[in-house]
Amino acid sequence: MDRWTDEVVLVTGASSGIGEAVAREFARRGAAVALLARRAERIDALARELQRSGRRALAIPCDVTRDGDLESAVGRVLAEFGRLDVAVANAGFGVVGPLADLALDDYRRQFETNVFGVLRTVYAVLEPLTAHRGALVLIGSVSGHLAAPGSSAYAMSKFAVRALAEALRGELAPRGIGVVLISPGFVRSEISRVDNNGRFHPHAKEPSHRRFEMSAERAARRIVRAVGRRQRERVITVHGKLGVLLARHAPRVTGWLLARARPGRSGGSRRPRTGRERDG
């Protein structure tokens, strides 16, 4: 339980979903946590809650798409806690819809957060992680292994995150930094109720895959264990593992199944597609 006592963990996108749950789990196991997200009121409330339970927590409003935000946040973490042992690059969002309904700007916006936001995080934490031979955790997706119709922008970004993780393992190993890729399948979050303009729709229809979702808390326990073991990659959920296995060993079958689940069919996504959505 106290494996992480005296260690410091930074989590981007910590205001909800996987990011919030991972921060809670690290704190429960004794770590000090730095909570980074755009929604200041949410991370402030989470920090106060953790502090009341005797945990060390620091809320830092931060947007991973803005140059300088991550460096400033890491500076505050070091000033408050004196070190950094784990950085979880979790902030992200998903552009959905078929190619014909999307513009180049949609793809640019997707990559600005999901790829360049991750890179901004990596650059900002590199030196403090090197100093303590820490762990860099990149939150990818099962969509980084297989791409469903209607998810080209999101899948492209997560394929890029997986490639980044694979390349950085060898580059950062001499620094003592372990790189852990987390590839979640269906994990419960608010993502299906936020449109592509960032507007939250509390009464939006539940996604058709809701019954397959794993709770964020359960996923967080698996993620923290994977970080502790410095696993190369941890795929979260049974369905996610099956999808990755099929993509690797039966690509034709995978393609057929994904085509059957394209948007508009009973297995497709039903969430609002009128703008953008981002976790954190």
C-alpha atoms as a PDB file:
ATOM      1  CA  MET A   1       0.000   0.000   0.000  1.00  0.00           C
ATOM      2  CA  ASP A   2       2.842   2.414   0.814  1.00  0.00           C
ATOM      3  CA  ARG A   3       4.940   1.616  -2.261  1.00  0.00           C
ATOM      4  CA  TRP A   4       4.684   5.237  -3.390  1.00  0.00           C
ATOM      5  CA  THR A   5       5.277   6.972  -0.059  1.00  0.00           C
ATOM      6  CA  ASP A   6       7.598   9.977  -0.466  1.00  0.00           C
ATOM      7  CA  GLU A   7       7.306   9.855  -4.274  1.00  0.00           C
ATOM      8  CA  VAL A   8       5.701  12.572  -6.375  1.00  0.00           C
ATOM      9  CA  VAL A   9       3.339  11.961  -9.284  1.00  0.00           C
ATOM     10  CA  LEU A  10       2.167  14.501 -11.879  1.00  0.00           C
ATOM     11  CA  VAL A  11      -1.053  13.761 -13.798  1.00  0.00           C
ATOM     12  CA  THR A  12      -2.381  15.820 -16.712  1.00  0.00           C
ATOM     13  CA  GLY A  13      -6.100  15.755 -17.430  1.00  0.00           C
ATOM     14  CA  ALA A  14      -6.715  15.056 -13.723  1.00  0.00           C
ATOM     15  CA  SER A  15     -10.158  16.655 -13.541  1.00  0.00           C
ATOM     16  CA  SER A  16     -12.160  13.573 -14.537  1.00  0.00           C
ATOM     17  CA  GLY A  17     -12.114  10.034 -15.842  1.00  0.00           C
ATOM     18  CA  ILE A  18      -8.887   8.055 -15.904  1.00  0.00           C
ATOM     19  CA  GLY A  19      -6.765  11.044 -14.893  1.00  0.00           C
ATOM     20  CA  GLU A  20      -8.762  11.733 -11.739  1.00  0.00           C
ATOM     21  CA  ALA A  21      -8.922   8.047 -10.811  1.00  0.00           C
ATOM     22  CA  VAL A  22      -5.179   7.532 -11.343  1.00  0.00           C
ATOM     23  CA  ALA A  23      -4.386  10.556  -9.180  1.00  0.00           C
ATOM     24  CA  ARG A  24      -6.653   9.213  -6.435  1.00  0.00           C
ATOM     25  CA  GLU A  25      -5.029   5.783  -6.596  1.00  0.00           C
ATOM     26  CA  PHE A  26      -1.491   7.115  -6.397  1.00  0.00           C
ATOM     27  CA  ALA A  27      -2.523   9.307  -3.458  1.00  0.00           C
ATOM     28  CA  ARG A  28      -4.196   6.343  -1.754  1.00  0.00           C
ATOM     29  CA  ARG A  29      -0.899   4.481  -2.040  1.00  0.00           C
ATOM     30  CA  GLY A  30       1.018   7.289  -0.379  1.00  0.00           C
ATOM     31  CA  ALA A  31       2.274   9.478  -3.218  1.00  0.00           C
ATOM     32  CA  ALA A  32       2.083  13.254  -3.367  1.00  0.00           C
ATOM     33  CA  VAL A  33       0.076  14.186  -6.452  1.00  0.00           C
ATOM     34  CA  ALA A  34       0.159  17.207  -8.735  1.00  0.00           C
ATOM     35  CA  LEU A  35      -3.212  17.612 -10.460  1.00  0.00           C
ATOM     36  CA  LEU A  36      -3.053  19.385 -13.831  1.00  0.00           C
ATOM     37  CA  ALA A  37      -6.108  20.254 -15.915  1.00  0.00           C
ATOM     38  CA  ARG A  38      -7.957  23.135 -17.514  1.00  0.00           C
ATOM     39  CA  ARG A  39     -10.976  22.902 -15.202  1.00  0.00           C
ATOM     40  CA  ALA A  40      -9.505  24.582 -12.135  1.00  0.00           C
ATOM     41  CA  GLU A  41     -12.601  24.190  -9.974  1.00  0.00           C
ATOM     42  CA  ARG A  42     -12.531  20.415 -10.353  1.00  0.00           C
ATOM     43  CA  ILE A  43      -8.873  19.888  -9.520  1.00  0.00           C
ATOM     44  CA  ASP A  44      -9.119  22.387  -6.653  1.00  0.00           C
ATOM     45  CA  ALA A  45     -11.973  20.346  -5.168  1.00  0.00           C
ATOM     46  CA  LEU A  46     -10.059  17.091  -5.654  1.00  0.00           C
ATOM     47  CA  ALA A  47      -6.927  18.534  -4.041  1.00  0.00           C
ATOM     48  CA  ARG A  48      -8.918  19.716  -1.018  1.00  0.00           C
ATOM     49  CA  GLU A  49     -10.561  16.301  -0.693  1.00  0.00           C
ATOM     50  CA  LEU A  50      -7.216  14.503  -0.771  1.00  0.00           C
ATOM     51  CA  GLN A  51      -5.677  16.964   1.679  1.00  0.00           C
ATOM     52  CA  ARG A  52      -8.526  16.392   4.141  1.00  0.00           C
ATOM     53  CA  SER A  53      -7.693  12.692   4.076  1.00  0.00           C
ATOM     54  CA  GLY A  54      -4.069  13.439   4.963  1.00  0.00           C
ATOM     55  CA  ARG A  55      -2.630  13.251   1.437  1.00  0.00           C
ATOM     56  CA  ARG A  56      -0.352  15.765  -0.231  1.00  0.00           C
ATOM     57  CA  ALA A  57      -1.960  17.275  -3.320  1.00  0.00           C
ATOM     58  CA  LEU A  58      -1.378  20.339  -5.463  1.00  0.00           C
ATOM     59  CA  ALA A  59      -3.854  21.657  -8.063  1.00  0.00           C
ATOM     60  CA  ILE A  60      -2.321  23.499 -11.023  1.00  0.00           C
ATOM     61  CA  PRO A  61      -4.518  24.890 -13.825  1.00  0.00           C
ATOM     62  CA  CYS A  62      -2.807  23.914 -17.065  1.00  0.00           C
ATOM     63  CA  ASP A  63      -3.577  23.579 -20.766  1.00  0.00           C
ATOM     64  CA  VAL A  64      -1.292  21.150 -22.601  1.00  0.00           C
ATOM     65  CA  THR A  65      -1.885  23.011 -25.869  1.00  0.00           C
ATOM     66  CA  ARG A  66      -0.283  26.217 -24.548  1.00  0.00           C
ATOM     67  CA  ASP A  67       3.474  26.628 -24.770  1.00  0.00           C
ATOM     68  CA  GLY A  68       4.997  27.203 -21.359  1.00  0.00           C
ATOM     69  CA  ASP A  69       2.132  25.858 -19.259  1.00  0.00           C
ATOM     70  CA  LEU A  70       3.825  22.528 -18.581  1.00  0.00           C
ATOM     71  CA  GLU A  71       7.193  24.066 -17.714  1.00  0.00           C
ATOM     72  CA  SER A  72       5.508  26.453 -15.297  1.00  0.00           C
ATOM     73  CA  ALA A  73       3.535  23.607 -13.724  1.00  0.00           C
ATOM     74  CA  VAL A  74       6.611  21.415 -13.284  1.00  0.00           C
ATOM     75  CA  GLY A  75       8.396  24.351 -11.673  1.00  0.00           C
ATOM     76  CA  ARG A  76       5.589  24.635  -9.124  1.00  0.00           C
ATOM     77  CA  VAL A  77       5.710  20.899  -8.441  1.00  0.00           C
ATOM     78  CA  LEU A  78       9.448  21.020  -7.769  1.00  0.00           C
ATOM     79  CA  ALA A  79       9.072  24.092  -5.560  1.00  0.00           C
ATOM     80  CA  GLU A  80       6.312  22.427  -3.529  1.00  0.00           C
ATOM     81  CA  PHE A  81       7.512  18.813  -3.344  1.00  0.00           C
ATOM     82  CA  GLY A  82      11.190  18.981  -4.310  1.00  0.00           C
ATOM     83  CA  ARG A  83      11.167  16.150  -6.826  1.00  0.00           C
ATOM     84  CA  LEU A  84       9.206  14.327  -9.524  1.00  0.00           C
ATOM     85  CA  ASP A  85       9.097  10.536  -9.840  1.00  0.00           C
ATOM     86  CA  VAL A  86       6.214   9.776 -12.210  1.00  0.00           C
ATOM     87  CA  ALA A  87       4.593  11.830 -14.963  1.00  0.00           C
ATOM     88  CA  VAL A  88       1.297  10.626 -16.435  1.00  0.00           C
ATOM     89  CA  ALA A  89       0.517  12.256 -19.803  1.00  0.00           C
ATOM     90  CA  ASN A  90      -3.221  11.657 -19.791  1.00  0.00           C
ATOM     91  CA  ALA A  91      -4.870  14.854 -21.108  1.00  0.00           C
ATOM     92  CA  GLY A  92      -6.585  14.204 -24.394  1.00  0.00           C
ATOM     93  CA  PHE A  93      -9.802  14.430 -26.386  1.00  0.00           C
ATOM     94  CA  GLY A  94     -11.400  12.792 -29.389  1.00  0.00           C
ATOM     95  CA  VAL A  95     -12.557  14.187 -32.711  1.00  0.00           C
ATOM     96  CA  VAL A  96     -15.217  11.880 -34.131  1.00  0.00           C
ATOM     97  CA  GLY A  97     -16.988  11.610 -37.455  1.00  0.00           C
ATOM     98  CA  PRO A  98     -16.293  10.372 -40.980  1.00  0.00           C
ATOM     99  CA  LEU A  99     -13.612  11.996 -43.104  1.00  0.00           C
ATOM    100  CA  ALA A 100     -16.212  13.758 -45.261  1.00  0.00           C
ATOM    101  CA  ASP A 101     -17.539  15.601 -42.199  1.00  0.00           C
ATOM    102  CA  LEU A 102     -14.130  16.713 -40.925  1.00  0.00           C
ATOM    103  CA  ALA A 103     -11.743  19.440 -42.063  1.00  0.00           C
ATOM    104  CA  LEU A 104      -7.966  19.684 -41.818  1.00  0.00           C
ATOM    105  CA  ASP A 105      -8.388  21.934 -38.798  1.00  0.00           C
ATOM    106  CA  ASP A 106     -10.162  19.111 -36.962  1.00  0.00           C
ATOM    107  CA  TYR A 107      -7.149  16.862 -37.459  1.00  0.00           C
ATOM    108  CA  ARG A 108      -4.761  19.645 -36.479  1.00  0.00           C
ATOM    109  CA  ARG A 109      -6.749  20.276 -33.300  1.00  0.00           C
ATOM    110  CA  GLN A 110      -6.717  16.589 -32.483  1.00  0.00           C
ATOM    111  CA  PHE A 111      -2.953  16.344 -32.862  1.00  0.00           C
ATOM    112  CA  GLU A 112      -2.314  19.596 -30.989  1.00  0.00           C
ATOM    113  CA  THR A 113      -3.662  18.042 -27.804  1.00  0.00           C
ATOM    114  CA  ASN A 114      -3.166  14.297 -28.162  1.00  0.00           C
ATOM    115  CA  VAL A 115       0.299  14.362 -29.735  1.00  0.00           C
ATOM    116  CA  PHE A 116       1.926  17.755 -29.232  1.00  0.00           C
ATOM    117  CA  GLY A 117       0.361  18.058 -25.777  1.00  0.00           C
ATOM    118  CA  VAL A 118       2.032  14.776 -24.859  1.00  0.00           C
ATOM    119  CA  LEU A 119       5.330  16.020 -26.300  1.00  0.00           C
ATOM    120  CA  ARG A 120       5.083  19.250 -24.306  1.00  0.00           C
ATOM    121  CA  THR A 121       4.608  17.122 -21.200  1.00  0.00           C
ATOM    122  CA  VAL A 122       7.578  14.911 -22.049  1.00  0.00           C
ATOM    123  CA  TYR A 123       9.929  17.856 -22.598  1.00  0.00           C
ATOM    124  CA  ALA A 124       8.812  19.538 -19.366  1.00  0.00           C
ATOM    125  CA  VAL A 125       9.347  16.471 -17.137  1.00  0.00           C
ATOM    126  CA  LEU A 126      12.477  15.030 -18.748  1.00  0.00           C
ATOM    127  CA  GLU A 127      15.095  16.527 -16.418  1.00  0.00           C
ATOM    128  CA  PRO A 128      13.339  15.934 -13.076  1.00  0.00           C
ATOM    129  CA  LEU A 129      12.484  12.354 -14.084  1.00  0.00           C
ATOM    130  CA  THR A 130      16.128  11.790 -15.039  1.00  0.00           C
ATOM    131  CA  ALA A 131      17.251  13.056 -11.636  1.00  0.00           C
ATOM    132  CA  HIS A 132      15.222  10.347  -9.873  1.00  0.00           C
ATOM    133  CA  ARG A 133      15.213   7.621 -12.544  1.00  0.00           C
ATOM    134  CA  GLY A 134      11.470   8.013 -12.765  1.00  0.00           C
ATOM    135  CA  ALA A 135       8.673   6.728 -14.962  1.00  0.00           C
ATOM    136  CA  LEU A 136       7.010   8.376 -17.953  1.00  0.00           C
ATOM    137  CA  VAL A 137       3.456   7.109 -18.478  1.00  0.00           C
ATOM    138  CA  LEU A 138       1.728   7.774 -21.799  1.00  0.00           C
ATOM    139  CA  ILE A 139      -2.017   7.185 -21.960  1.00  0.00           C
ATOM    140  CA  GLY A 140      -2.709   5.801 -25.400  1.00  0.00           C
ATOM    141  CA  SER A 141      -5.717   3.747 -26.420  1.00  0.00           C
ATOM    142  CA  VAL A 142      -6.777   0.475 -27.975  1.00  0.00           C
ATOM    143  CA  SER A 143      -7.483   2.847 -30.891  1.00  0.00           C
ATOM    144  CA  GLY A 144      -3.700   3.108 -31.162  1.00  0.00           C
ATOM    145  CA  HIS A 145      -3.758  -0.502 -32.390  1.00  0.00           C
ATOM    146  CA  LEU A 146      -6.895  -0.538 -34.513  1.00  0.00           C
ATOM    147  CA  ALA A 147      -8.835   2.215 -36.220  1.00  0.00           C
ATOM    148  CA  ALA A 148     -12.607   2.113 -36.505  1.00  0.00           C
ATOM    149  CA  PRO A 149     -14.521   3.936 -39.232  1.00  0.00           C
ATOM    150  CA  GLY A 150     -15.491   7.381 -37.985  1.00  0.00           C
ATOM    151  CA  SER A 151     -12.509   7.653 -35.662  1.00  0.00           C
ATOM    152  CA  SER A 152      -9.671   8.422 -38.058  1.00  0.00           C
ATOM    153  CA  ALA A 153      -8.495  11.597 -36.298  1.00  0.00           C
ATOM    154  CA  TYR A 154      -8.497  10.055 -32.831  1.00  0.00           C
ATOM    155  CA  ALA A 155      -6.943   6.773 -33.970  1.00  0.00           C
ATOM    156  CA  MET A 156      -4.196   8.587 -35.868  1.00  0.00           C
ATOM    157  CA  SER A 157      -3.281  10.516 -32.743  1.00  0.00           C
ATOM    158  CA  LYS A 158      -3.180   7.382 -30.574  1.00  0.00           C
ATOM    159  CA  PHE A 159      -1.124   5.448 -33.134  1.00  0.00           C
ATOM    160  CA  ALA A 160       1.315   8.357 -32.881  1.00  0.00           C
ATOM    161  CA  VAL A 161       1.384   8.122 -29.077  1.00  0.00           C
ATOM    162  CA  ARG A 162       2.154   4.401 -29.301  1.00  0.00           C
ATOM    163  CA  ALA A 163       4.974   5.079 -31.760  1.00  0.00           C
ATOM    164  CA  LEU A 164       6.345   7.756 -29.440  1.00  0.00           C
ATOM    165  CA  ALA A 165       6.342   5.356 -26.495  1.00  0.00           C
ATOM    166  CA  GLU A 166       8.147   2.671 -28.486  1.00  0.00           C
ATOM    167  CA  ALA A 167      10.795   5.098 -29.706  1.00  0.00           C
ATOM    168  CA  LEU A 168      11.365   6.747 -26.333  1.00  0.00           C
ATOM    169  CA  ARG A 169      11.932   3.495 -24.447  1.00  0.00           C
ATOM    170  CA  GLY A 170      15.346   3.047 -26.009  1.00  0.00           C
ATOM    171  CA  GLU A 171      16.183   6.743 -25.972  1.00  0.00           C
ATOM    172  CA  LEU A 172      15.339   7.291 -22.313  1.00  0.00           C
ATOM    173  CA  ALA A 173      16.626   4.009 -20.901  1.00  0.00           C
ATOM    174  CA  PRO A 174      20.191   5.406 -20.488  1.00  0.00           C
ATOM    175  CA  ARG A 175      18.663   8.157 -18.328  1.00  0.00           C
ATOM    176  CA  GLY A 176      17.038   5.536 -16.115  1.00  0.00           C
ATOM    177  CA  ILE A 177      13.535   6.576 -17.196  1.00  0.00           C
ATOM    178  CA  GLY A 178      11.011   3.794 -17.717  1.00  0.00           C
ATOM    179  CA  VAL A 179       8.372   4.395 -20.386  1.00  0.00           C
ATOM    180  CA  VAL A 180       4.979   2.778 -19.769  1.00  0.00           C
ATOM    181  CA  LEU A 181       2.259   2.844 -22.440  1.00  0.00           C
ATOM    182  CA  ILE A 182      -1.299   2.416 -21.190  1.00  0.00           C
ATOM    183  CA  SER A 183      -3.859   1.428 -23.840  1.00  0.00           C
ATOM    184  CA  PRO A 184      -7.381   1.573 -22.394  1.00  0.00           C
ATOM    185  CA  GLY A 185     -10.407   0.053 -24.029  1.00  0.00           C
ATOM    186  CA  PHE A 186     -13.857   1.154 -22.872  1.00  0.00           C
ATOM    187  CA  VAL A 187     -13.354   2.892 -19.515  1.00  0.00           C
ATOM    188  CA  ARG A 188     -16.155   4.918 -17.909  1.00  0.00           C
ATOM    189  CA  SER A 189     -15.737   8.680 -18.241  1.00  0.00           C
ATOM    190  CA  GLU A 190     -17.565  11.802 -19.400  1.00  0.00           C
ATOM    191  CA  ILE A 191     -16.139  11.573 -22.894  1.00  0.00           C
ATOM    192  CA  SER A 192     -19.395  10.490 -24.566  1.00  0.00           C
ATOM    193  CA  ARG A 193     -21.274  13.499 -23.147  1.00  0.00           C
ATOM    194  CA  VAL A 194     -18.953  16.225 -24.403  1.00  0.00           C
ATOM    195  CA  ASP A 195     -19.236  17.437 -27.977  1.00  0.00           C
ATOM    196  CA  ASN A 196     -16.422  18.506 -30.268  1.00  0.00           C
ATOM    197  CA  ASN A 197     -16.776  22.134 -29.153  1.00  0.00           C
ATOM    198  CA  GLY A 198     -16.052  21.186 -25.557  1.00  0.00           C
ATOM    199  CA  ARG A 199     -19.692  21.532 -24.425  1.00  0.00           C
ATOM    200  CA  PHE A 200     -20.845  19.086 -21.770  1.00  0.00           C
ATOM    201  CA  HIS A 201     -24.256  17.467 -22.398  1.00  0.00           C
ATOM    202  CA  PRO A 202     -25.417  15.894 -19.122  1.00  0.00           C
ATOM    203  CA  HIS A 203     -28.481  14.349 -20.759  1.00  0.00           C
ATOM    204  CA  ALA A 204     -26.720  12.969 -23.826  1.00  0.00           C
ATOM    205  CA  LYS A 205     -27.643   9.418 -24.743  1.00  0.00           C
ATOM    206  CA  GLU A 206     -25.505   6.726 -23.164  1.00  0.00           C
ATOM    207  CA  PRO A 207     -23.075   5.116 -25.633  1.00  0.00           C
ATOM    208  CA  SER A 208     -24.079   1.675 -26.894  1.00  0.00           C
ATOM    209  CA  HIS A 209     -20.903   0.145 -25.417  1.00  0.00           C
ATOM    210  CA  ARG A 210     -21.742   1.317 -21.887  1.00  0.00           C
ATOM    211  CA  ARG A 211     -22.362  -2.218 -20.650  1.00  0.00           C
ATOM    212  CA  PHE A 212     -18.795  -3.167 -21.595  1.00  0.00           C
ATOM    213  CA  GLU A 213     -17.142  -0.292 -19.745  1.00  0.00           C
ATOM    214  CA  MET A 214     -14.726  -0.757 -16.857  1.00  0.00           C
ATOM    215  CA  SER A 215     -14.910   1.713 -14.013  1.00  0.00           C
ATOM    216  CA  ALA A 216     -12.171   4.358 -13.956  1.00  0.00           C
ATOM    217  CA  GLU A 217     -11.252   3.279 -10.413  1.00  0.00           C
ATOM    218  CA  ARG A 218     -10.674  -0.326 -11.454  1.00  0.00           C
ATOM    219  CA  ALA A 219      -8.660   0.809 -14.474  1.00  0.00           C
ATOM    220  CA  ALA A 220      -6.580   3.092 -12.236  1.00  0.00           C
ATOM    221  CA  ARG A 221      -5.575   0.194  -9.993  1.00  0.00           C
ATOM    222  CA  ARG A 222      -4.285  -1.688 -13.017  1.00  0.00           C
ATOM    223  CA  ILE A 223      -2.467   1.358 -14.317  1.00  0.00           C
ATOM    224  CA  VAL A 224      -0.689   2.058 -11.026  1.00  0.00           C
ATOM    225  CA  ARG A 225       0.401  -1.583 -10.772  1.00  0.00           C
ATOM    226  CA  ALA A 226       1.746  -1.432 -14.331  1.00  0.00           C
ATOM    227  CA  VAL A 227       3.731   1.715 -13.498  1.00  0.00           C
ATOM    228  CA  GLY A 228       5.151   0.081 -10.384  1.00  0.00           C
ATOM    229  CA  ARG A 229       6.340  -2.858 -12.488  1.00  0.00           C
ATOM    230  CA  ARG A 230       7.448  -0.595 -15.348  1.00  0.00           C
ATOM    231  CA  GLN A 231       5.558  -2.674 -17.881  1.00  0.00           C
ATOM    232  CA  ARG A 232       6.190  -1.780 -21.497  1.00  0.00           C
ATOM    233  CA  GLU A 233       2.461  -1.666 -22.213  1.00  0.00           C
ATOM    234  CA  ARG A 234      -0.715  -2.474 -20.339  1.00  0.00           C
ATOM    235  CA  VAL A 235      -3.941  -2.911 -22.288  1.00  0.00           C
ATOM    236  CA  ILE A 236      -6.937  -2.178 -20.069  1.00  0.00           C
ATOM    237  CA  THR A 237     -10.204  -4.214 -20.294  1.00  0.00           C
ATOM    238  CA  VAL A 238     -10.795  -7.712 -21.640  1.00  0.00           C
ATOM    239  CA  HIS A 239     -12.448  -6.347 -24.770  1.00  0.00           C
ATOM    240  CA  GLY A 240      -9.467  -4.101 -25.360  1.00  0.00           C
ATOM    241  CA  LYS A 241      -7.057  -7.018 -25.063  1.00  0.00           C
ATOM    242  CA  LEU A 242      -9.156  -9.054 -27.484  1.00  0.00           C
ATOM    243  CA  GLY A 243      -9.227  -6.174 -29.965  1.00  0.00           C
ATOM    244  CA  VAL A 244      -5.444  -5.731 -29.838  1.00  0.00           C
ATOM    245  CA  LEU A 245      -4.935  -9.489 -30.219  1.00  0.00           C
ATOM    246  CA  LEU A 246      -7.213  -9.607 -33.268  1.00  0.00           C
ATOM    247  CA  ALA A 247      -5.560  -6.544 -34.810  1.00  0.00           C
ATOM    248  CA  ARG A 248      -2.140  -8.188 -34.509  1.00  0.00           C
ATOM    249  CA  HIS A 249      -3.015 -11.713 -35.614  1.00  0.00           C
ATOM    250  CA  ALA A 250      -6.258 -11.489 -37.610  1.00  0.00           C
ATOM    251  CA  PRO A 251      -6.330  -8.098 -39.328  1.00  0.00           C
ATOM    252  CA  ARG A 252      -8.899  -9.157 -41.944  1.00  0.00           C
ATOM    253  CA  VAL A 253     -11.329 -10.313 -39.281  1.00  0.00           C
ATOM    254  CA  THR A 254     -10.697  -7.118 -37.325  1.00  0.00           C
ATOM    255  CA  GLY A 255     -11.384  -4.974 -40.384  1.00  0.00           C
ATOM    256  CA  TRP A 256     -14.633  -6.799 -41.059  1.00  0.00           C
ATOM    257  CA  LEU A 257     -15.815  -6.407 -37.467  1.00  0.00           C
ATOM    258  CA  LEU A 258     -14.925  -2.701 -37.373  1.00  0.00           C
ATOM    259  CA  ALA A 259     -16.747  -2.082 -40.647  1.00  0.00           C
ATOM    260  CA  ARG A 260     -19.854  -3.678 -39.144  1.00  0.00           C
ATOM    261  CA  ALA A 261     -19.605  -1.323 -36.146  1.00  0.00           C
ATOM    262  CA  ARG A 262     -19.215   1.871 -38.136  1.00  0.00           C
ATOM    263  CA  PRO A 263     -21.204   4.945 -36.995  1.00  0.00           C
ATOM    264  CA  GLY A 264     -24.844   4.603 -37.881  1.00  0.00           C
ATOM    265  CA  ARG A 265     -25.020   0.898 -37.115  1.00  0.00           C
ATOM    266  CA  SER A 266     -26.226  -0.437 -33.791  1.00  0.00           C
ATOM    267  CA  GLY A 267     -22.709  -0.826 -32.438  1.00  0.00           C
ATOM    268  CA  GLY A 268     -21.474   2.620 -33.437  1.00  0.00           C
ATOM    269  CA  SER A 269     -20.949   5.743 -31.382  1.00  0.00           C
ATOM    270  CA  ARG A 270     -23.987   7.950 -30.744  1.00  0.00           C
ATOM    271  CA  ARG A 271     -22.362  10.820 -28.893  1.00  0.00           C
ATOM    272  CA  PRO A 272     -22.666  14.442 -30.111  1.00  0.00           C
ATOM    273  CA  ARG A 273     -20.299  15.201 -32.967  1.00  0.00           C
ATOM    274  CA  THR A 274     -20.838  18.923 -33.418  1.00  0.00           C
ATOM    275  CA  GLY A 275     -17.565  20.112 -31.990  1.00  0.00           C
ATOM    276  CA  ARG A 276     -14.693  18.814 -29.908  1.00  0.00           C
ATOM    277  CA  GLU A 277     -14.210  17.223 -26.553  1.00  0.00           C
ATOM    278  CA  ARG A 278     -11.247  16.985 -24.266  1.00  0.00           C
ATOM    279  CA  ASP A 279     -10.561  15.220 -20.988  1.00  0.00           C
ATOM    280  CA  GLY A 280      -9.112  17.704 -18.511  1.00  0.00           C
END
